[in-house]
Structure formats: C-alpha cells, structure tokens
Amino acid sequence: VQLQASGGGLVQTGGSLRLSCAASGRTFSSYGMGWFRQAPGKERELVAAISSGGSTYYTDSVKGRFDISGDNVKKMVYLEMNSLKPEDTAVYYCALRLRGYSSSAYLPNSDQYDYWGQGTLVTVSS
C-alpha cells in the first residue's frame, strides 16, 4: 500500500488548508486513518483520526478547527484545517491502519498503524 499526502503549504494565521491522503496499491474495505504531525524539536503527535467503525478523534488543540473525513470509494482521507495558528506549523503525516476492526479512533502510537505517507509541510505565519 502506498499513501500519498498532499495539500500542505504556507498560510497566514487564521487561514485554511485541506490536506489529502490517497491510498493505493491493494484493495481493502475496512481501515482506520490517522493524521499525525511533527513540529521541529517535538515528538510526533496524533492530530485527528477516523476509525474503521467511523468514529473520530481530535486532539484538544485542534477541536473545533480541524475536521477529518474519508471517501471509502476513492480511498481518500482529508483533513480540513481552519483558523490555523503558528503552533500548527509541522510536517503532517497520514497513517493507515488495516489490522482488524477498531471502534475507537484514539490510536495515538505510531506502531498502531501499518502504512505511512511521506509527510506534507504546513507552515503558518504570524
């Protein structure tokens, strides 16, 4: 499976970006997807996720500003990011989980995912 993340860029504080993650390479129907980010000097953190059961998770700092959604037919997952802040600046990674059903979207560890995209840089200027 290959994951291709796109949509990052430079935006001013208060602006919006939409990240996309396209999955390809094999057929699958049940999956979970997470968006992680890693800022310089910081650990990678789970930002938002959607489970194979359809539930979603958002870290507190992005609640009300970010929205994760998926298109099962196109095998795409999106992260709509609004009201961006300088502290949202990071490389954003999408991650795919294929191993089994999970009702919970809160899977914060990297080893809970099977495939990773290459990352897309989001820079929010003040």
Protein backbone atom coordinates (compact mmCIF):
# COMPACT_ATOMS: atom_id res chain seq x y z
CA VAL A 1 0.00 0.00 0.00
CA GLN A 2 1.21 3.48 -0.82
CA LEU A 3 -0.01 6.65 0.83
CA GLN A 4 0.38 10.00 -0.85
CA ALA A 5 -0.18 13.07 1.29
CA SER A 6 -0.66 16.47 -0.26
CA GLY A 7 -2.11 19.90 0.38
CA GLY A 8 0.44 21.45 2.68
CA GLY A 9 1.79 24.92 2.19
CA LEU A 10 2.33 28.36 3.64
CA VAL A 11 -0.66 30.15 5.08
CA GLN A 12 -1.22 33.12 7.34
CA THR A 13 -2.67 32.89 10.82
CA GLY A 14 -6.39 32.35 10.57
CA GLY A 15 -6.17 30.76 7.17
CA SER A 16 -7.25 27.34 6.00
CA LEU A 17 -5.73 24.35 4.28
CA ARG A 18 -7.07 21.00 3.22
CA LEU A 19 -4.76 18.03 3.41
CA SER A 20 -5.46 14.94 1.35
CA CYS A 21 -4.17 11.41 1.67
CA ALA A 22 -4.62 8.97 -1.17
CA ALA A 23 -4.20 5.24 -0.60
CA SER A 24 -3.36 2.86 -3.41
CA GLY A 25 -1.79 -0.49 -4.10
CA ARG A 26 -4.29 -3.02 -2.84
CA THR A 27 -7.94 -3.49 -2.21
CA PHE A 28 -9.24 -3.01 1.29
CA SER A 29 -12.58 -2.09 2.75
CA SER A 30 -12.15 -1.67 6.46
CA TYR A 31 -9.48 0.70 7.63
CA GLY A 32 -8.63 3.44 10.04
CA MET A 33 -6.68 6.54 9.21
CA GLY A 34 -4.80 9.00 11.33
CA TRP A 35 -3.19 12.35 10.74
CA PHE A 36 -0.08 12.94 12.79
CA ARG A 37 2.16 15.97 12.90
CA GLN A 38 5.69 16.62 13.99
CA ALA A 39 6.99 20.08 14.70
CA PRO A 40 10.72 20.82 14.91
CA GLY A 41 12.13 19.55 18.17
CA LYS A 42 8.89 17.88 19.18
CA GLU A 43 7.57 14.36 19.15
CA ARG A 44 5.13 13.17 16.56
CA GLU A 45 1.57 13.52 17.82
CA LEU A 46 -1.80 12.27 16.69
CA VAL A 47 -3.87 15.20 15.50
CA ALA A 48 -7.01 13.55 14.19
CA ALA A 49 -8.15 10.07 13.30
CA ILE A 50 -11.08 8.19 11.92
CA SER A 51 -11.67 4.59 12.87
CA SER A 52 -12.83 1.66 10.81
CA GLY A 53 -16.05 1.97 12.79
CA GLY A 54 -16.50 5.58 11.72
CA SER A 55 -15.71 7.32 14.98
CA THR A 56 -13.38 10.29 15.05
CA TYR A 57 -10.78 11.69 17.39
CA TYR A 58 -9.22 15.13 17.65
CA THR A 59 -6.50 16.29 19.93
CA ASP A 60 -7.68 19.10 22.17
CA SER A 61 -5.68 21.81 20.46
CA VAL A 62 -7.48 21.34 17.13
CA LYS A 63 -11.01 20.62 18.26
CA GLY A 64 -13.46 22.89 16.55
CA ARG A 65 -10.90 23.90 13.94
CA PHE A 66 -9.97 20.67 12.15
CA ASP A 67 -12.23 18.14 10.52
CA ILE A 68 -11.28 14.67 9.32
CA SER A 69 -13.31 12.90 6.69
CA GLY A 70 -12.94 9.98 4.35
CA ASP A 71 -14.10 8.76 0.99
CA ASN A 72 -14.15 4.97 1.05
CA VAL A 73 -14.75 4.68 -2.68
CA LYS A 74 -11.80 6.86 -3.62
CA LYS A 75 -9.69 5.59 -0.72
CA MET A 76 -9.03 9.16 0.32
CA VAL A 77 -8.88 10.83 3.70
CA TYR A 78 -8.97 14.56 4.19
CA LEU A 79 -8.03 16.92 6.97
CA GLU A 80 -9.74 20.26 6.73
CA MET A 81 -7.81 22.76 8.81
CA ASN A 82 -9.34 26.11 9.66
CA SER A 83 -8.35 29.03 11.86
CA LEU A 84 -4.76 27.94 11.61
CA LYS A 85 -2.28 29.10 14.20
CA PRO A 86 1.51 29.32 14.14
CA GLU A 87 1.63 26.40 16.57
CA ASP A 88 0.02 24.23 13.90
CA THR A 89 3.23 24.50 11.89
CA ALA A 90 4.59 20.99 11.38
CA VAL A 91 5.06 18.20 8.93
CA TYR A 92 1.78 16.34 8.70
CA TYR A 93 1.72 12.61 8.06
CA CYS A 94 -1.16 10.35 7.19
CA ALA A 95 -1.13 6.81 8.51
CA LEU A 96 -3.25 3.83 7.59
CA ARG A 97 -4.34 1.02 9.82
CA LEU A 98 -5.54 -2.20 8.21
CA ARG A 99 -5.16 -4.70 11.02
CA GLY A 100 -8.59 -5.53 12.32
CA TYR A 101 -11.59 -3.55 13.36
CA SER A 102 -11.35 -0.78 15.90
CA SER A 103 -14.33 1.04 17.27
CA SER A 104 -12.08 3.66 18.76
CA ALA A 105 -10.32 6.26 16.68
CA TYR A 106 -7.90 7.06 19.50
CA LEU A 107 -4.82 5.16 18.38
CA PRO A 108 -2.00 7.55 19.25
CA ASN A 109 1.04 5.36 18.77
CA SER A 110 2.93 5.07 15.53
CA ASP A 111 3.13 1.30 15.80
CA GLN A 112 -0.64 1.06 15.74
CA TYR A 113 -0.58 1.91 12.04
CA ASP A 114 0.61 -0.19 9.14
CA TYR A 115 1.50 2.33 6.44
CA TRP A 116 2.67 5.91 6.36
CA GLY A 117 2.64 8.71 3.86
CA GLN A 118 5.68 10.82 3.14
CA GLY A 119 4.56 13.94 5.00
CA THR A 120 3.45 17.35 3.85
CA LEU A 121 4.71 20.57 5.38
CA VAL A 122 2.27 23.08 6.83
CA THR A 123 3.67 26.47 7.75
CA VAL A 124 1.51 29.05 9.45
CA SER A 125 2.98 32.54 9.54
CA SER A 126 2.13 35.01 12.28
